[in-house]
C-alpha atoms as a PDB file:
ATOM      1  CA  MET A   1     -11.883  10.223   6.699  1.00  0.00           C
ATOM      2  CA  SER A   2      -9.786  12.229   4.201  1.00  0.00           C
ATOM      3  CA  VAL A   3     -10.014  11.719   0.377  1.00  0.00           C
ATOM      4  CA  ASP A   4      -6.543  10.156   0.081  1.00  0.00           C
ATOM      5  CA  ARG A   5      -6.670   7.946   3.116  1.00  0.00           C
ATOM      6  CA  ILE A   6      -9.088   5.014   3.143  1.00  0.00           C
ATOM      7  CA  ASP A   7     -10.008   2.812   6.142  1.00  0.00           C
ATOM      8  CA  MET A   8     -11.237  -0.581   4.915  1.00  0.00           C
ATOM      9  CA  SER A   9     -12.094  -2.221   8.234  1.00  0.00           C
ATOM     10  CA  PRO A  10     -15.412  -4.108   7.771  1.00  0.00           C
ATOM     11  CA  THR A  11     -17.309  -1.527   9.818  1.00  0.00           C
ATOM     12  CA  SER A  12     -16.139   1.362   7.668  1.00  0.00           C
ATOM     13  CA  ILE A  13     -17.124   0.041   4.200  1.00  0.00           C
ATOM     14  CA  SER A  14     -20.169   1.978   2.963  1.00  0.00           C
ATOM     15  CA  PRO A  15     -22.376   0.632   0.255  1.00  0.00           C
ATOM     16  CA  LYS A  16     -22.368   4.057  -1.194  1.00  0.00           C
ATOM     17  CA  ALA A  17     -18.650   4.355  -1.584  1.00  0.00           C
ATOM     18  CA  SER A  18     -17.213   7.041  -3.773  1.00  0.00           C
ATOM     19  CA  PRO A  19     -16.137   6.088  -7.244  1.00  0.00           C
ATOM     20  CA  ALA A  20     -12.475   6.650  -6.245  1.00  0.00           C
ATOM     21  CA  THR A  21     -12.795   3.978  -3.513  1.00  0.00           C
ATOM     22  CA  SER A  22     -15.389   1.500  -4.674  1.00  0.00           C
ATOM     23  CA  ARG A  23     -13.281  -0.311  -7.273  1.00  0.00           C
ATOM     24  CA  TYR A  24     -10.198  -0.810  -5.219  1.00  0.00           C
ATOM     25  CA  PHE A  25     -11.497  -1.041  -1.743  1.00  0.00           C
ATOM     26  CA  GLN A  26     -15.023  -2.328  -1.383  1.00  0.00           C
ATOM     27  CA  PHE A  27     -14.030  -5.980  -1.740  1.00  0.00           C
ATOM     28  CA  VAL A  28     -10.317  -6.269  -1.115  1.00  0.00           C
ATOM     29  CA  SER A  29      -9.122  -7.597   2.202  1.00  0.00           C
ATOM     30  CA  PRO A  30      -5.565  -8.285   3.549  1.00  0.00           C
ATOM     31  CA  ALA A  31      -6.245 -12.020   3.232  1.00  0.00           C
ATOM     32  CA  GLN A  32      -7.151 -11.519  -0.485  1.00  0.00           C
ATOM     33  CA  VAL A  33      -3.896  -9.696  -1.167  1.00  0.00           C
ATOM     34  CA  ARG A  34      -2.005 -12.557   0.531  1.00  0.00           C
ATOM     35  CA  ALA A  35      -3.967 -15.194  -1.331  1.00  0.00           C
ATOM     36  CA  ALA A  36      -3.527 -13.329  -4.732  1.00  0.00           C
ATOM     37  CA  ARG A  37       0.163 -13.251  -4.206  1.00  0.00           C
ATOM     38  CA  ALA A  38       0.230 -16.868  -3.319  1.00  0.00           C
ATOM     39  CA  LEU A  39      -1.835 -17.800  -6.395  1.00  0.00           C
ATOM     40  CA  ILE A  40       0.595 -16.221  -8.765  1.00  0.00           C
ATOM     41  CA  ASN A  41       3.599 -17.381  -6.716  1.00  0.00           C
ATOM     42  CA  ILE A  42       5.268 -14.013  -6.073  1.00  0.00           C
ATOM     43  CA  SER A  43       7.037 -12.630  -3.015  1.00  0.00           C
ATOM     44  CA  GLN A  44       6.224  -9.463  -1.095  1.00  0.00           C
ATOM     45  CA  ARG A  45       9.300  -7.979  -2.662  1.00  0.00           C
ATOM     46  CA  GLN A  46       8.036  -8.851  -6.134  1.00  0.00           C
ATOM     47  CA  LEU A  47       4.678  -7.301  -5.493  1.00  0.00           C
ATOM     48  CA  ALA A  48       6.356  -4.219  -4.130  1.00  0.00           C
ATOM     49  CA  GLU A  49       8.374  -3.993  -7.368  1.00  0.00           C
ATOM     50  CA  MET A  50       5.312  -4.656  -9.632  1.00  0.00           C
ATOM     51  CA  SER A  51       3.198  -1.990  -7.804  1.00  0.00           C
ATOM     52  CA  HIS A  52       5.989   0.516  -7.200  1.00  0.00           C
ATOM     53  CA  VAL A  53       5.151   0.428  -3.510  1.00  0.00           C
ATOM     54  CA  ALA A  54       7.574  -0.037  -0.619  1.00  0.00           C
ATOM     55  CA  ILE A  55       7.987  -3.565   0.653  1.00  0.00           C
ATOM     56  CA  ALA A  56       7.222  -2.306   4.214  1.00  0.00           C
ATOM     57  CA  THR A  57       3.841  -1.089   2.875  1.00  0.00           C
ATOM     58  CA  ILE A  58       3.054  -4.470   1.374  1.00  0.00           C
ATOM     59  CA  LYS A  59       3.841  -6.178   4.706  1.00  0.00           C
ATOM     60  CA  ARG A  60       1.736  -3.692   6.577  1.00  0.00           C
ATOM     61  CA  VAL A  61      -1.209  -4.137   4.206  1.00  0.00           C
ATOM     62  CA  GLU A  62      -1.067  -7.868   4.447  1.00  0.00           C
ATOM     63  CA  VAL A  63      -1.079  -8.070   8.312  1.00  0.00           C
ATOM     64  CA  SER A  64      -3.608  -5.330   8.975  1.00  0.00           C
ATOM     65  CA  GLU A  65      -7.167  -6.174  10.167  1.00  0.00           C
ATOM     66  CA  GLY A  66      -8.562  -4.190   7.152  1.00  0.00           C
ATOM     67  CA  ILE A  67      -7.163  -2.453   4.122  1.00  0.00           C
ATOM     68  CA  SER A  68      -6.156   1.027   5.154  1.00  0.00           C
ATOM     69  CA  GLY A  69      -3.785   3.547   3.588  1.00  0.00           C
ATOM     70  CA  ARG A  70      -3.502   6.054   0.798  1.00  0.00           C
ATOM     71  CA  ALA A  71      -5.972   5.363  -2.006  1.00  0.00           C
ATOM     72  CA  ALA A  72      -3.276   5.640  -4.612  1.00  0.00           C
ATOM     73  CA  THR A  73      -1.112   3.005  -2.825  1.00  0.00           C
ATOM     74  CA  ILE A  74      -3.882   0.503  -2.501  1.00  0.00           C
ATOM     75  CA  ALA A  75      -4.952   1.066  -6.121  1.00  0.00           C
ATOM     76  CA  ALA A  76      -1.325   0.460  -7.236  1.00  0.00           C
ATOM     77  CA  ILE A  77      -1.229  -2.912  -5.369  1.00  0.00           C
ATOM     78  CA  VAL A  78      -4.648  -4.047  -6.614  1.00  0.00           C
ATOM     79  CA  THR A  79      -3.902  -2.951 -10.231  1.00  0.00           C
ATOM     80  CA  ALA A  80      -0.481  -4.890 -10.245  1.00  0.00           C
ATOM     81  CA  LEU A  81      -2.322  -8.042  -9.022  1.00  0.00           C
ATOM     82  CA  GLU A  82      -5.055  -7.595 -11.525  1.00  0.00           C
ATOM     83  CA  GLN A  83      -2.453  -7.067 -14.345  1.00  0.00           C
ATOM     84  CA  ALA A  84      -0.994 -10.358 -13.345  1.00  0.00           C
ATOM     85  CA  GLY A  85      -4.288 -12.059 -13.857  1.00  0.00           C
ATOM     86  CA  ILE A  86      -5.920 -11.889 -10.454  1.00  0.00           C
ATOM     87  CA  ARG A  87      -9.581 -11.079 -10.097  1.00  0.00           C
ATOM     88  CA  PHE A  88     -10.919 -10.183  -6.624  1.00  0.00           C
ATOM     89  CA  VAL A  89     -14.272 -11.871  -5.811  1.00  0.00           C
ATOM     90  CA  PRO A  90     -16.541 -10.146  -3.525  1.00  0.00           C
ATOM     91  CA  GLU A  91     -18.704 -11.920  -0.812  1.00  0.00           C
ATOM     92  CA  ASP A  92     -22.079 -12.959  -2.144  1.00  0.00           C
ATOM     93  CA  GLU A  93     -24.798 -15.479  -1.486  1.00  0.00           C
ATOM     94  CA  MET A  94     -22.583 -18.208  -2.777  1.00  0.00           C
ATOM     95  CA  GLY A  95     -19.756 -17.606  -0.196  1.00  0.00           C
ATOM     96  CA  GLY A  96     -17.153 -15.300   1.110  1.00  0.00           C
ATOM     97  CA  VAL A  97     -14.547 -13.177  -0.524  1.00  0.00           C
ATOM     98  CA  GLY A  98     -11.792 -14.670  -2.595  1.00  0.00           C
ATOM     99  CA  VAL A  99      -9.382 -14.429  -5.490  1.00  0.00           C
ATOM    100  CA  ARG A 100      -9.383 -16.097  -8.862  1.00  0.00           C
ATOM    101  CA  LEU A 101      -6.635 -16.440 -11.431  1.00  0.00           C
ATOM    102  CA  VAL A 102      -8.082 -15.564 -14.892  1.00  0.00           C
ATOM    103  CA  SER A 103      -6.477 -17.504 -17.728  1.00  0.00           C
ATOM    104  CA  GLN A 104      -4.822 -15.497 -20.412  1.00  0.00           C
ATOM    105  CA  SER A 105      -7.080 -17.015 -23.155  1.00  0.00           C
ATOM    106  CA  ARG A 106     -10.164 -15.960 -21.250  1.00  0.00           C
ATOM    107  CA  GLU A 107      -8.939 -12.411 -20.799  1.00  0.00           C
ATOM    108  CA  GLN A 108      -8.432 -12.126 -24.657  1.00  0.00           C
ATOM    109  CA  ASP A 109     -12.117 -13.190 -25.428  1.00  0.00           C
END
């Protein structure tokens, strides 16, 4: 695995991920990207524009079995969604992965 290409299939995620990969990749799945987009009611084209990523890349990310691609590309997608108010929720003892929309007033607190 090279530094600028990340494989996020469930079997490839290491609990000791490097700092460059852990924030953006450890808990983000294609289903979370689709759910995040639906939660803020934007199209693939709009996400592509927000993240400055090609729409073909957005489509590929959303249909893959696990997030894979260049670290900077995935970071751009995740960052764009987070700036729109999305928070990615990791799997824990309470349940599986998910997404949450953070209210503007809560973000300002």
